[in-house]
N, C-alpha and C. Protein backbone atom coordinates (compact mmCIF):
# COMPACT_ATOMS: atom_id res chain seq x y z
N MET A 1 0.92 -1.46 0.10
CA MET A 1 -0.15 -0.11 0.04
C MET A 1 0.81 1.16 -0.06
N LYS A 2 1.96 1.24 0.66
CA LYS A 2 2.90 2.26 0.92
C LYS A 2 3.45 2.47 -0.44
N VAL A 3 3.98 1.37 -1.22
CA VAL A 3 4.46 1.64 -2.35
C VAL A 3 3.46 2.05 -3.48
N TYR A 4 2.13 1.58 -3.37
CA TYR A 4 1.35 2.25 -4.34
C TYR A 4 0.91 3.81 -4.34
N MET A 5 1.11 4.20 -3.00
CA MET A 5 0.77 5.62 -3.01
C MET A 5 1.93 6.47 -3.08
N CYS A 6 3.28 5.85 -3.19
CA CYS A 6 4.36 6.70 -3.54
C CYS A 6 4.46 6.82 -4.78
N VAL A 7 4.01 5.87 -5.77
CA VAL A 7 3.99 5.80 -7.26
C VAL A 7 2.74 6.73 -7.50
N LEU A 8 1.77 6.99 -6.93
CA LEU A 8 0.88 7.38 -7.11
C LEU A 8 0.97 9.33 -6.97
N LEU A 9 1.79 9.48 -5.72
CA LEU A 9 2.25 10.64 -5.70
C LEU A 9 3.15 11.18 -6.67
N ALA A 10 4.11 10.33 -7.00
CA ALA A 10 5.07 10.76 -7.94
C ALA A 10 4.49 11.01 -9.22
N ILE A 11 3.53 10.31 -9.65
CA ILE A 11 2.50 10.46 -10.69
C ILE A 11 2.03 11.94 -10.91
N LEU A 12 1.21 12.11 -9.62
CA LEU A 12 0.64 13.24 -9.73
C LEU A 12 1.68 14.74 -9.60
N ALA A 13 2.74 14.42 -9.01
CA ALA A 13 3.80 15.21 -9.14
C ALA A 13 4.08 15.89 -10.44
N CYS A 14 4.53 14.65 -11.27
CA CYS A 14 5.04 15.07 -12.51
C CYS A 14 3.84 15.72 -13.26
N GLN A 15 2.26 14.89 -12.79
CA GLN A 15 1.51 15.83 -13.63
C GLN A 15 1.11 17.34 -13.64
N GLY A 16 1.45 17.80 -12.07
CA GLY A 16 1.42 18.77 -11.56
C GLY A 16 2.55 19.79 -12.17
N ALA A 17 3.80 19.25 -12.34
CA ALA A 17 4.86 19.83 -12.88
C ALA A 17 4.71 20.11 -14.23
N SER A 18 4.02 19.22 -15.16
CA SER A 18 3.75 19.67 -16.44
C SER A 18 2.85 20.86 -16.65
N ASP A 19 2.03 21.08 -15.94
CA ASP A 19 0.91 22.33 -16.11
C ASP A 19 1.73 23.64 -15.64
N GLU A 20 2.89 23.69 -15.05
CA GLU A 20 3.56 24.99 -14.67
C GLU A 20 4.43 25.48 -15.93
N PRO A 21 4.12 26.69 -15.90
CA PRO A 21 4.72 27.29 -17.21
C PRO A 21 6.28 27.41 -17.23
N GLN A 22 6.65 27.10 -18.33
CA GLN A 22 8.61 26.52 -18.73
C GLN A 22 9.16 28.19 -18.89
N PRO A 23 10.52 28.10 -18.62
CA PRO A 23 11.17 29.19 -19.29
C PRO A 23 11.24 29.05 -20.81
N THR A 24 11.18 30.27 -21.19
CA THR A 24 10.97 30.66 -23.01
C THR A 24 12.47 30.91 -23.29
N PRO A 25 12.76 30.37 -24.14
CA PRO A 25 14.24 30.67 -24.70
C PRO A 25 14.31 32.16 -25.48
N TYR A 26 15.05 32.88 -25.63
CA TYR A 26 15.14 34.03 -26.07
C TYR A 26 16.59 34.33 -26.84
N THR A 27 16.69 34.66 -27.87
CA THR A 27 18.04 34.99 -28.63
C THR A 27 18.58 36.54 -28.62
N VAL A 28 19.49 36.65 -28.21
CA VAL A 28 19.89 37.92 -28.01
C VAL A 28 20.31 38.59 -29.21
N THR A 29 19.78 39.86 -29.69
CA THR A 29 20.00 40.72 -30.92
C THR A 29 20.90 41.85 -30.45
N LYS A 30 21.21 42.35 -31.50
CA LYS A 30 22.06 43.53 -31.46
C LYS A 30 21.34 44.82 -30.80
N GLY A 31 21.85 45.45 -29.48
CA GLY A 31 21.37 46.32 -28.93
C GLY A 31 20.72 45.69 -27.72
N ASP A 32 20.65 44.74 -27.35
CA ASP A 32 20.01 44.06 -26.19
C ASP A 32 20.90 44.14 -24.90
N THR A 33 20.11 44.66 -23.67
CA THR A 33 20.82 44.34 -22.53
C THR A 33 19.93 43.61 -22.02
N LEU A 34 20.50 43.36 -20.71
CA LEU A 34 19.61 42.43 -19.49
C LEU A 34 18.78 43.50 -19.27
N PHE A 35 18.76 44.63 -18.91
CA PHE A 35 17.82 45.76 -18.56
C PHE A 35 16.81 45.59 -19.26
N LEU A 36 17.08 46.00 -20.90
CA LEU A 36 16.07 45.92 -21.80
C LEU A 36 15.16 44.52 -22.13
N ILE A 37 15.96 43.49 -21.83
CA ILE A 37 15.24 42.40 -22.18
C ILE A 37 14.44 42.37 -21.01
N ALA A 38 14.66 42.38 -19.73
CA ALA A 38 13.73 42.13 -18.57
C ALA A 38 12.49 43.01 -18.63
N LYS A 39 12.64 44.48 -19.22
CA LYS A 39 11.84 45.28 -19.18
C LYS A 39 10.68 44.80 -20.14
N ARG A 40 11.17 44.41 -21.43
CA ARG A 40 10.37 44.10 -22.48
C ARG A 40 9.55 42.90 -22.10
N HIS A 41 9.92 41.90 -21.55
CA HIS A 41 9.44 40.92 -21.20
C HIS A 41 8.78 40.36 -19.78
N GLY A 42 8.75 41.96 -18.99
CA GLY A 42 7.88 41.65 -17.62
C GLY A 42 8.70 40.76 -16.65
N THR A 43 10.24 40.96 -16.76
CA THR A 43 10.67 40.37 -15.63
C THR A 43 11.58 41.18 -14.56
N THR A 44 12.82 40.84 -14.29
CA THR A 44 13.77 41.48 -13.68
C THR A 44 15.17 41.00 -14.01
N VAL A 45 16.14 41.94 -13.99
CA VAL A 45 17.82 41.54 -14.35
C VAL A 45 17.96 40.52 -13.45
N ASP A 46 17.71 40.44 -11.98
CA ASP A 46 18.03 39.18 -11.11
C ASP A 46 17.54 38.07 -11.32
N ALA A 47 16.31 38.05 -11.98
CA ALA A 47 15.50 36.79 -12.49
C ALA A 47 16.12 35.97 -13.48
N LEU A 48 16.66 37.22 -14.35
CA LEU A 48 17.37 36.49 -15.78
C LEU A 48 18.51 36.13 -15.35
N ARG A 49 19.56 36.81 -14.52
CA ARG A 49 20.81 36.01 -13.69
C ARG A 49 20.49 34.83 -13.23
N ARG A 50 19.15 34.64 -12.40
CA ARG A 50 19.49 33.45 -11.60
C ARG A 50 18.91 32.51 -12.70
N THR A 51 18.07 32.23 -13.92
CA THR A 51 17.65 31.71 -14.74
C THR A 51 18.37 31.18 -15.66
N ASN A 52 19.48 31.98 -15.73
CA ASN A 52 20.79 31.59 -16.75
C ASN A 52 21.96 31.70 -16.16
N ASP A 53 21.98 31.31 -14.72
CA ASP A 53 23.44 31.32 -14.13
C ASP A 53 24.36 32.71 -14.64
N LEU A 54 23.80 33.81 -14.76
CA LEU A 54 25.03 34.58 -15.08
C LEU A 54 25.12 35.55 -13.97
N GLN A 55 26.70 35.79 -13.89
CA GLN A 55 27.37 36.41 -12.95
C GLN A 55 27.43 37.83 -12.90
N GLY A 56 27.44 38.52 -14.57
CA GLY A 56 27.26 39.72 -14.29
C GLY A 56 26.19 40.19 -15.62
N ASP A 57 26.66 41.46 -16.35
CA ASP A 57 25.77 41.58 -17.24
C ASP A 57 25.92 41.62 -18.85
N LEU A 58 27.00 40.54 -18.84
CA LEU A 58 27.70 40.34 -20.30
C LEU A 58 26.74 39.38 -21.01
N ILE A 59 26.48 40.04 -22.14
CA ILE A 59 25.80 38.69 -23.07
C ILE A 59 25.93 39.33 -24.30
N GLU A 60 26.09 38.51 -25.40
CA GLU A 60 26.57 38.37 -26.68
C GLU A 60 25.16 38.04 -27.60
N ILE A 61 25.49 38.79 -28.81
CA ILE A 61 24.47 38.95 -30.13
C ILE A 61 24.64 37.16 -30.31
N GLY A 62 23.17 36.92 -30.53
CA GLY A 62 23.00 35.12 -30.89
C GLY A 62 22.91 34.17 -29.73
N GLN A 63 23.59 34.69 -28.61
CA GLN A 63 23.09 33.60 -27.49
C GLN A 63 21.65 33.76 -27.01
N VAL A 64 21.33 32.61 -26.49
CA VAL A 64 20.08 32.11 -26.14
C VAL A 64 20.27 31.99 -24.91
N LEU A 65 19.16 32.85 -24.28
CA LEU A 65 18.87 33.13 -22.70
C LEU A 65 17.31 32.37 -22.54
N LEU A 66 17.37 32.12 -21.49
CA LEU A 66 15.72 31.36 -20.87
C LEU A 66 15.11 32.58 -20.27
N LEU A 67 14.26 32.98 -20.75
CA LEU A 67 13.08 34.00 -19.85
C LEU A 67 12.59 33.04 -18.72
N PRO A 68 12.71 33.74 -17.43
CA PRO A 68 12.10 32.91 -16.18
C PRO A 68 10.50 32.38 -16.44
N ALA A 69 10.18 31.55 -15.83
CA ALA A 69 9.16 31.02 -16.52
C ALA A 69 7.82 31.73 -15.80
N ASP A 70 7.94 32.68 -14.92
CA ASP A 70 6.75 33.80 -14.51
C ASP A 70 6.81 35.12 -14.99
N HIS A 71 7.49 35.07 -16.38
CA HIS A 71 7.78 36.60 -17.19
C HIS A 71 6.41 36.73 -18.07
N MET A 72 5.84 37.97 -18.19
CA MET A 72 5.15 38.45 -18.61
C MET A 72 5.56 38.81 -20.01
N PRO A 73 4.74 37.91 -21.15
CA PRO A 73 5.20 37.81 -22.55
C PRO A 73 4.92 39.38 -22.99
N SER A 74 5.84 39.87 -23.80
CA SER A 74 5.64 41.25 -24.11
C SER A 74 4.83 41.35 -25.66
N THR A 75 3.85 42.39 -25.60
CA THR A 75 3.24 42.40 -26.97
C THR A 75 3.95 43.60 -27.68
N LYS A 76 4.95 44.07 -27.28
CA LYS A 76 5.44 45.25 -27.73
C LYS A 76 6.54 44.49 -28.69
N ALA A 77 6.80 44.53 -30.23
CA ALA A 77 7.96 44.23 -31.18
C ALA A 77 9.15 44.79 -30.53
N PRO A 78 10.20 44.29 -30.47
CA PRO A 78 11.59 44.76 -30.07
C PRO A 78 11.99 45.90 -31.01
N PRO A 79 12.65 46.56 -30.53
CA PRO A 79 12.96 47.95 -31.26
C PRO A 79 14.10 47.71 -32.26
N THR A 80 13.56 48.28 -33.29
CA THR A 80 14.72 48.03 -34.53
C THR A 80 15.50 49.38 -34.46
N THR A 81 16.75 48.49 -34.68
CA THR A 81 18.28 49.47 -34.79
C THR A 81 18.34 50.08 -36.23
N LYS A 82 17.99 51.44 -36.49
CA LYS A 82 18.30 52.11 -37.22
C LYS A 82 19.53 52.28 -38.02
N LYS A 83 19.70 51.88 -39.31
CA LYS A 83 20.88 51.82 -39.73
C LYS A 83 21.43 53.35 -40.13
N ARG A 84 22.56 53.43 -39.58
CA ARG A 84 23.31 54.57 -39.92
C ARG A 84 24.08 54.92 -41.38
N MET A 85 23.77 55.54 -42.18
CA MET A 85 24.31 55.96 -43.12
C MET A 85 25.88 56.26 -43.10
N PRO A 86 26.97 55.91 -43.56
CA PRO A 86 28.25 56.08 -43.53
C PRO A 86 28.79 57.62 -43.63
N LYS A 87 29.30 57.94 -42.73
CA LYS A 87 29.77 59.55 -43.13
C LYS A 87 30.83 59.48 -44.31
N SER A 88 30.73 60.48 -44.95
CA SER A 88 31.58 60.70 -45.98
C SER A 88 32.84 61.39 -45.33
N THR A 89 33.82 61.21 -45.80
CA THR A 89 35.13 61.48 -45.11
C THR A 89 35.53 62.66 -46.09
N PRO A 90 35.32 63.86 -45.34
CA PRO A 90 35.93 65.29 -46.04
C PRO A 90 37.19 65.28 -46.84
N LYS A 91 37.41 65.73 -47.99
CA LYS A 91 38.70 65.65 -48.74
C LYS A 91 39.39 66.69 -48.26
N PRO A 92 40.77 66.43 -47.92
CA PRO A 92 41.48 67.38 -47.43
C PRO A 92 41.72 68.90 -48.21
N GLN A 93 41.73 69.74 -47.75
CA GLN A 93 41.69 70.94 -48.78
C GLN A 93 43.45 71.37 -49.04
N GLY A 94 43.42 71.79 -50.06
CA GLY A 94 44.69 72.00 -50.38
C GLY A 94 45.65 71.24 -50.73
N ARG A 95 45.23 69.76 -50.86
CA ARG A 95 46.48 68.53 -50.75
C ARG A 95 46.40 67.85 -52.19
N VAL A 96 45.20 68.07 -52.74
CA VAL A 96 45.22 67.44 -54.27
C VAL A 96 44.91 68.84 -55.15
N LEU A 97 45.84 68.90 -55.94
CA LEU A 97 46.30 70.04 -56.89
C LEU A 97 46.04 69.58 -58.44
N THR A 98 45.57 70.39 -59.43
CA THR A 98 45.46 70.13 -60.48
C THR A 98 46.27 71.16 -61.43
N MET A 99 47.01 70.80 -62.49
CA MET A 99 47.74 71.29 -63.13
C MET A 99 46.95 72.49 -64.18
N PRO A 100 47.07 73.76 -64.03
CA PRO A 100 46.20 74.54 -64.97
C PRO A 100 46.51 74.53 -66.36
N SER A 101 45.47 74.71 -67.34
CA SER A 101 45.31 74.46 -68.55
C SER A 101 46.10 75.74 -69.35
N PRO A 102 47.27 75.17 -70.13
CA PRO A 102 47.96 76.33 -70.87
C PRO A 102 46.88 77.28 -71.61
N GLU A 103 47.25 78.29 -71.98
CA GLU A 103 46.71 79.29 -72.58
C GLU A 103 47.61 80.02 -74.06
N PRO A 104 46.98 80.56 -75.08
CA PRO A 104 47.56 80.98 -76.09
C PRO A 104 48.55 82.07 -75.72
N CYS A 105 50.09 81.83 -75.88
CA CYS A 105 50.89 82.88 -75.78
C CYS A 105 50.84 84.53 -76.39
N LEU A 106 50.94 85.23 -75.36
CA LEU A 106 50.53 86.58 -76.01
C LEU A 106 51.57 87.27 -77.20
N THR A 107 51.36 87.93 -77.97
CA THR A 107 52.23 88.39 -79.02
C THR A 107 52.77 90.31 -78.58
N GLY A 108 54.18 90.14 -78.01
CA GLY A 108 54.42 91.48 -77.54
C GLY A 108 55.12 92.13 -78.55
N PRO A 109 55.82 93.34 -77.99
CA PRO A 109 56.81 93.93 -79.06
C PRO A 109 57.59 93.03 -79.52
N THR A 110 58.31 93.07 -80.42
CA THR A 110 59.73 92.13 -80.98
C THR A 110 60.85 93.14 -81.42
N THR A 111 60.46 94.48 -81.65
CA THR A 111 61.64 95.13 -81.71
C THR A 111 62.32 96.21 -81.12
N VAL A 112 61.79 95.96 -79.56
CA VAL A 112 62.60 96.64 -78.77
C VAL A 112 63.58 96.12 -78.19
N ASP A 113 64.67 96.75 -77.82
CA ASP A 113 65.88 96.22 -77.28
C ASP A 113 65.73 95.94 -75.79
N ALA A 114 65.93 94.83 -75.28
CA ALA A 114 65.99 94.70 -73.78
C ALA A 114 66.62 96.00 -72.87
N GLU A 115 67.95 96.48 -73.67
CA GLU A 115 68.62 97.44 -72.96
C GLU A 115 67.74 98.74 -72.70
N HIS A 116 66.67 99.02 -73.46
CA HIS A 116 65.70 100.05 -73.07
C HIS A 116 64.80 99.96 -72.15
N GLY A 117 64.63 98.75 -71.47
CA GLY A 117 63.81 98.47 -70.51
C GLY A 117 62.63 98.19 -70.77
N MET A 118 62.19 97.89 -71.98
CA MET A 118 60.66 97.91 -72.21
C MET A 118 60.51 96.21 -72.82
N ALA A 119 61.45 95.37 -72.52
CA ALA A 119 61.38 94.01 -72.80
C ALA A 119 60.31 93.36 -71.50
N ALA A 120 60.70 93.90 -70.46
CA ALA A 120 59.83 93.49 -69.04
C ALA A 120 58.51 93.50 -69.38
N SER A 121 57.94 94.28 -70.30
CA SER A 121 56.60 94.29 -70.47
C SER A 121 55.67 93.23 -70.98
N GLU A 122 56.92 92.31 -71.65
CA GLU A 122 56.21 91.35 -72.25
C GLU A 122 56.14 90.48 -71.35
N GLY A 123 56.69 90.43 -70.06
CA GLY A 123 56.78 89.37 -68.91
C GLY A 123 55.63 89.41 -68.03
N ILE A 124 55.96 88.91 -67.17
CA ILE A 124 54.95 88.99 -65.67
C ILE A 124 55.15 90.05 -65.01
N SER A 125 54.27 90.87 -64.61
CA SER A 125 54.49 92.11 -63.59
C SER A 125 54.54 91.70 -62.33
N LEU A 126 55.11 92.88 -61.38
CA LEU A 126 55.75 92.32 -59.88
C LEU A 126 54.14 92.29 -59.41
N GLU A 127 53.30 92.99 -60.00
CA GLU A 127 51.94 93.15 -59.23
C GLU A 127 51.42 91.77 -59.55
N THR A 128 51.31 91.40 -60.72
CA THR A 128 50.47 90.06 -61.12
C THR A 128 51.24 88.93 -60.32
N ALA A 129 52.36 88.76 -60.31
CA ALA A 129 53.18 87.71 -59.61
C ALA A 129 52.80 87.53 -58.28
N ARG A 130 52.60 88.74 -57.40
CA ARG A 130 52.21 88.81 -56.21
C ARG A 130 50.74 88.49 -56.17
N ARG A 131 50.02 88.94 -56.76
CA ARG A 131 48.99 88.43 -56.79
C ARG A 131 48.31 87.08 -56.99
N VAL A 132 49.05 86.40 -57.77
CA VAL A 132 48.98 85.17 -58.02
C VAL A 132 49.36 84.19 -57.01
N LEU A 133 50.70 84.49 -56.41
CA LEU A 133 51.38 83.68 -55.41
C LEU A 133 50.59 83.76 -54.00
N ASN A 134 49.97 85.13 -53.65
CA ASN A 134 49.54 85.32 -52.54
C ASN A 134 48.14 84.36 -52.34
N THR A 135 47.77 84.19 -53.76
CA THR A 135 46.38 83.14 -53.63
C THR A 135 46.84 81.84 -53.51
N HIS A 136 47.91 81.36 -54.30
CA HIS A 136 48.54 79.88 -54.12
C HIS A 136 49.04 79.76 -53.04
N VAL A 137 50.15 80.24 -52.53
CA VAL A 137 50.97 79.93 -51.34
C VAL A 137 50.07 79.44 -50.19
N PRO A 138 48.91 79.53 -49.61
CA PRO A 138 48.35 79.00 -48.76
C PRO A 138 48.02 77.32 -49.10
N LYS A 139 48.17 77.27 -50.59
CA LYS A 139 47.94 75.74 -51.12
C LYS A 139 49.46 74.84 -50.45
N THR A 140 50.61 75.60 -50.09
CA THR A 140 51.82 74.86 -49.98
C THR A 140 51.82 74.71 -48.38
N LEU A 141 50.74 74.98 -47.43
CA LEU A 141 51.11 74.76 -45.91
C LEU A 141 50.96 73.42 -45.63
N PRO A 142 50.22 72.78 -46.26
CA PRO A 142 50.48 71.02 -46.05
C PRO A 142 51.76 70.26 -45.92
N CYS A 143 52.76 71.03 -46.41
CA CYS A 143 53.94 70.65 -46.62
C CYS A 143 54.56 70.54 -45.03
N PHE A 144 54.13 71.87 -44.65
CA PHE A 144 54.51 71.96 -43.19
C PHE A 144 54.22 70.85 -41.71
N ASP A 145 53.01 70.30 -42.44
CA ASP A 145 52.41 69.30 -41.39
C ASP A 145 53.33 68.12 -40.80
N ASP A 146 54.35 67.92 -41.60
CA ASP A 146 55.26 66.96 -41.06
C ASP A 146 56.64 67.10 -40.28
N TYR A 147 56.49 68.71 -40.14
CA TYR A 147 57.51 69.14 -39.37
C TYR A 147 57.21 70.07 -38.28
N ALA A 148 56.74 69.23 -37.24
CA ALA A 148 56.64 70.07 -35.97
C ALA A 148 57.72 70.50 -35.24
N GLY A 149 57.28 71.85 -34.59
CA GLY A 149 58.20 72.48 -34.14
C GLY A 149 59.22 73.25 -34.63
N LEU A 150 58.79 73.39 -36.32
CA LEU A 150 59.62 74.16 -37.18
C LEU A 150 59.64 75.52 -36.86
N GLY A 151 60.53 76.32 -36.66
CA GLY A 151 60.70 77.82 -36.32
C GLY A 151 60.39 78.51 -37.51
N THR A 152 60.07 79.72 -37.55
CA THR A 152 60.21 81.00 -38.51
C THR A 152 61.42 80.72 -39.40
N GLY A 153 61.00 80.86 -40.67
CA GLY A 153 62.15 80.64 -41.66
C GLY A 153 61.58 81.57 -43.16
N THR A 154 62.65 81.44 -43.89
CA THR A 154 62.25 81.99 -45.28
C THR A 154 63.17 81.11 -46.14
N ALA A 155 62.42 80.89 -47.35
CA ALA A 155 63.25 79.98 -48.27
C ALA A 155 62.77 81.08 -49.99
N THR A 156 63.51 81.03 -50.52
CA THR A 156 63.53 81.63 -52.06
C THR A 156 63.53 80.75 -53.20
N PHE A 157 62.43 80.91 -54.09
CA PHE A 157 62.28 80.12 -55.18
C PHE A 157 62.05 81.04 -56.12
N ASP A 158 62.93 80.40 -57.34
CA ASP A 158 62.87 80.82 -58.66
C ASP A 158 61.70 79.99 -59.35
N ILE A 159 60.49 80.62 -60.09
CA ILE A 159 59.56 80.07 -60.41
C ILE A 159 59.48 80.33 -62.16
N HIS A 160 59.74 79.14 -62.76
CA HIS A 160 59.90 79.48 -64.39
C HIS A 160 58.52 79.30 -64.98
N VAL A 161 57.97 80.45 -65.54
CA VAL A 161 56.43 80.42 -66.15
C VAL A 161 56.71 80.20 -67.65
N ALA A 162 56.25 79.67 -68.31
CA ALA A 162 56.19 79.56 -69.77
C ALA A 162 55.19 80.67 -70.20
N CYS A 163 55.28 80.87 -71.24
CA CYS A 163 54.35 82.17 -72.15
C CYS A 163 52.90 81.72 -72.15
N THR A 164 52.57 80.18 -71.95
CA THR A 164 51.26 79.90 -71.85
C THR A 164 50.64 80.12 -70.23
N GLY A 165 51.52 80.47 -69.50
CA GLY A 165 51.40 80.82 -68.13
C GLY A 165 51.48 79.75 -67.24
N VAL A 166 51.77 78.51 -67.77
CA VAL A 166 51.76 77.26 -66.95
C VAL A 166 53.36 77.23 -66.13
N VAL A 167 53.67 76.70 -65.29
CA VAL A 167 54.83 76.81 -64.47
C VAL A 167 55.39 75.56 -64.96
N SER A 168 56.79 75.88 -65.74
CA SER A 168 57.29 74.65 -66.18
C SER A 168 58.45 73.92 -64.99
N HIS A 169 58.63 74.84 -64.43
CA HIS A 169 59.63 74.18 -63.02
C HIS A 169 59.65 75.46 -62.08
N VAL A 170 60.26 74.65 -60.81
CA VAL A 170 60.51 75.73 -59.62
C VAL A 170 61.93 75.33 -59.14
N GLU A 171 62.69 76.13 -59.08
CA GLU A 171 64.23 75.76 -58.64
C GLU A 171 64.18 76.33 -57.07
N LEU A 172 64.72 75.85 -56.17
CA LEU A 172 64.71 76.24 -54.94
C LEU A 172 66.46 76.79 -55.02
N ASP A 173 66.13 78.41 -54.76
CA ASP A 173 67.07 79.33 -54.56
C ASP A 173 68.12 79.51 -53.33
N GLU A 174 67.27 79.40 -52.30
CA GLU A 174 67.85 79.58 -51.00
C GLU A 174 66.92 79.20 -50.12
N MET A 175 67.73 78.27 -49.10
CA MET A 175 66.82 77.93 -47.71
C MET A 175 67.44 78.38 -46.45
N ASN A 176 66.73 78.77 -45.47
CA ASN A 176 67.03 79.27 -44.28
C ASN A 176 67.79 78.12 -43.48
N HIS A 177 67.16 77.45 -42.66
CA HIS A 177 67.30 76.65 -41.72
C HIS A 177 66.26 75.31 -41.74
N TRP A 178 65.74 75.32 -42.65
CA TRP A 178 64.63 74.53 -43.05
C TRP A 178 65.15 73.51 -43.78
N PRO A 179 64.72 71.95 -43.48
CA PRO A 179 65.23 70.93 -44.17
C PRO A 179 65.06 70.93 -45.91
N ALA A 180 65.63 70.51 -46.53
CA ALA A 180 65.69 70.48 -48.08
C ALA A 180 64.39 69.78 -48.35
N SER A 181 64.07 68.56 -47.92
CA SER A 181 62.84 67.68 -48.35
C SER A 181 61.69 68.52 -48.23
N LEU A 182 61.70 69.68 -46.95
CA LEU A 182 60.45 70.57 -47.15
C LEU A 182 60.25 71.71 -48.19
N GLY A 183 61.59 72.19 -48.54
CA GLY A 183 62.11 72.85 -49.91
C GLY A 183 61.35 72.32 -51.01
N ASP A 184 61.79 70.81 -50.87
CA ASP A 184 61.43 69.99 -52.25
C ASP A 184 59.69 70.05 -52.34
N CYS A 185 59.24 69.92 -51.14
CA CYS A 185 57.40 69.74 -51.15
C CYS A 185 57.12 71.02 -51.63
N ILE A 186 57.50 72.10 -51.13
CA ILE A 186 57.13 73.68 -51.33
C ILE A 186 57.14 73.76 -52.99
N ALA A 187 58.37 73.71 -53.60
CA ALA A 187 58.69 73.72 -54.77
C ALA A 187 57.58 72.90 -55.71
N GLN A 188 57.45 71.85 -55.24
CA GLN A 188 56.45 70.73 -55.95
C GLN A 188 55.05 71.07 -56.26
N LYS A 189 54.53 71.98 -55.09
CA LYS A 189 53.28 72.29 -54.92
C LYS A 189 53.01 74.17 -55.95
N MET A 190 54.41 74.59 -55.67
CA MET A 190 54.41 75.91 -56.37
C MET A 190 53.98 75.81 -57.97
N ARG A 191 54.21 74.48 -58.74
CA ARG A 191 54.31 74.10 -59.99
C ARG A 191 52.74 74.64 -60.46
N PHE A 192 51.66 74.60 -59.32
CA PHE A 192 50.38 74.52 -59.83
C PHE A 192 50.03 75.77 -59.77
N ALA A 193 50.82 76.80 -59.55
CA ALA A 193 50.39 78.33 -59.77
C ALA A 193 49.77 78.43 -60.89
N ASP A 194 48.77 79.31 -60.87
CA ASP A 194 47.99 79.52 -62.22
C ASP A 194 48.44 81.19 -62.38
N PHE A 195 49.45 81.06 -63.42
CA PHE A 195 49.65 82.47 -64.01
C PHE A 195 49.02 83.09 -65.53
N PRO A 196 48.64 84.15 -65.61
CA PRO A 196 48.05 84.48 -66.78
C PRO A 196 49.50 84.16 -67.91
N PRO A 197 49.02 84.26 -69.39
CA PRO A 197 49.93 84.30 -70.30
C PRO A 197 51.03 85.51 -70.45
N HIS A 198 52.17 85.22 -71.16
CA HIS A 198 52.66 86.56 -71.48
C HIS A 198 53.36 86.16 -72.84
N ALA A 199 54.20 87.22 -73.24
CA ALA A 199 54.68 87.17 -74.50
C ALA A 199 56.40 86.92 -74.70
N LEU A 200 56.76 86.61 -73.58
CA LEU A 200 58.33 86.10 -73.69
C LEU A 200 58.28 84.43 -74.24
N PRO A 201 58.85 84.22 -75.40
CA PRO A 201 58.68 82.67 -75.91
C PRO A 201 59.79 81.92 -74.88
N ASP A 202 60.71 82.46 -74.21
CA ASP A 202 61.50 81.43 -73.79
C ASP A 202 61.13 81.48 -71.90
N GLY A 203 60.07 82.22 -71.87
CA GLY A 203 59.30 81.79 -70.60
C GLY A 203 59.88 83.07 -69.84
N ASP A 204 59.22 83.14 -68.34
CA ASP A 204 59.90 84.32 -67.44
C ASP A 204 59.99 83.76 -66.01
N VAL A 205 60.79 84.33 -65.24
CA VAL A 205 61.53 83.77 -64.06
C VAL A 205 60.67 84.86 -62.97
N VAL A 206 59.88 84.18 -62.09
CA VAL A 206 59.47 84.96 -60.98
C VAL A 206 60.45 84.68 -59.69
N ARG A 207 61.04 85.51 -59.06
CA ARG A 207 61.65 85.20 -57.79
C ARG A 207 60.69 85.40 -56.59
N TYR A 208 60.75 84.25 -55.52
CA TYR A 208 59.77 84.51 -54.58
C TYR A 208 59.79 83.93 -53.34
N PRO A 209 60.08 84.95 -52.26
CA PRO A 209 60.39 84.80 -50.98
C PRO A 209 59.45 84.31 -49.97
N LEU A 210 59.43 83.11 -49.81
CA LEU A 210 58.25 82.36 -49.00
C LEU A 210 58.78 82.54 -47.33
N THR A 211 58.08 83.19 -46.84
CA THR A 211 58.31 83.21 -45.07
C THR A 211 57.39 82.36 -44.13
N TYR A 212 57.69 81.69 -43.51
CA TYR A 212 56.68 80.91 -42.60
C TYR A 212 56.97 81.37 -41.15
N THR A 213 55.77 81.37 -40.32
CA THR A 213 55.48 81.62 -39.04
C THR A 213 54.63 80.65 -38.50
N PRO A 214 55.22 79.87 -37.48
CA PRO A 214 54.40 78.78 -37.21
C PRO A 214 53.12 79.64 -36.28
N PRO A 215 51.90 78.68 -36.52
CA PRO A 215 50.88 79.41 -35.62
C PRO A 215 51.22 79.25 -33.68
N ALA A 216 50.51 80.16 -33.35
CA ALA A 216 50.65 80.14 -31.86
C ALA A 216 50.31 79.11 -31.38
N PRO A 217 50.62 78.41 -30.10
CA PRO A 217 50.04 77.28 -29.59
C PRO A 217 48.81 77.35 -28.64
């Protein structure tokens, strides 16, 4: 009789256990935290930790958690994660230069001797050279980026301008205490200056002293 009663009680216990709510599996998605999962499913963070034998708050995407048996199913859909559009990287200003297009050479006086002082009128005037270079020189500033701690200094360049207005080449005439590699960088960028055309068939030479003062810290 005792054995029969024990078996009967065991059967009843099993039947009773099958009617109780069971833990519900939940797969962790991007943006989930224990707090958000608990809030959405009507339970607590502590209950989630106990059910899943968690020691802390660390969970991973794709991890399957068991929601406590007494949780309240949520009728709200989990929040969707908005896709962020990748931010476009701004192009560095003044680093990518393009060579200006050549223009037709001008026709100047050819019967005036240079000794009369008139031949200079066929080339580039000092005023024009200053205007062009004052506009273009700021584009050489990226050359100084790799020379931190560089003090004030001056470099003199001879800029050879073809009659088409395009710079044929630049010569570094004089350096102060700056490294030669810096002078070479500046000379390369000077080649992209856009001069107006002139009438000297062999080209004109503009000498330009460039002075750099480092910005105040």
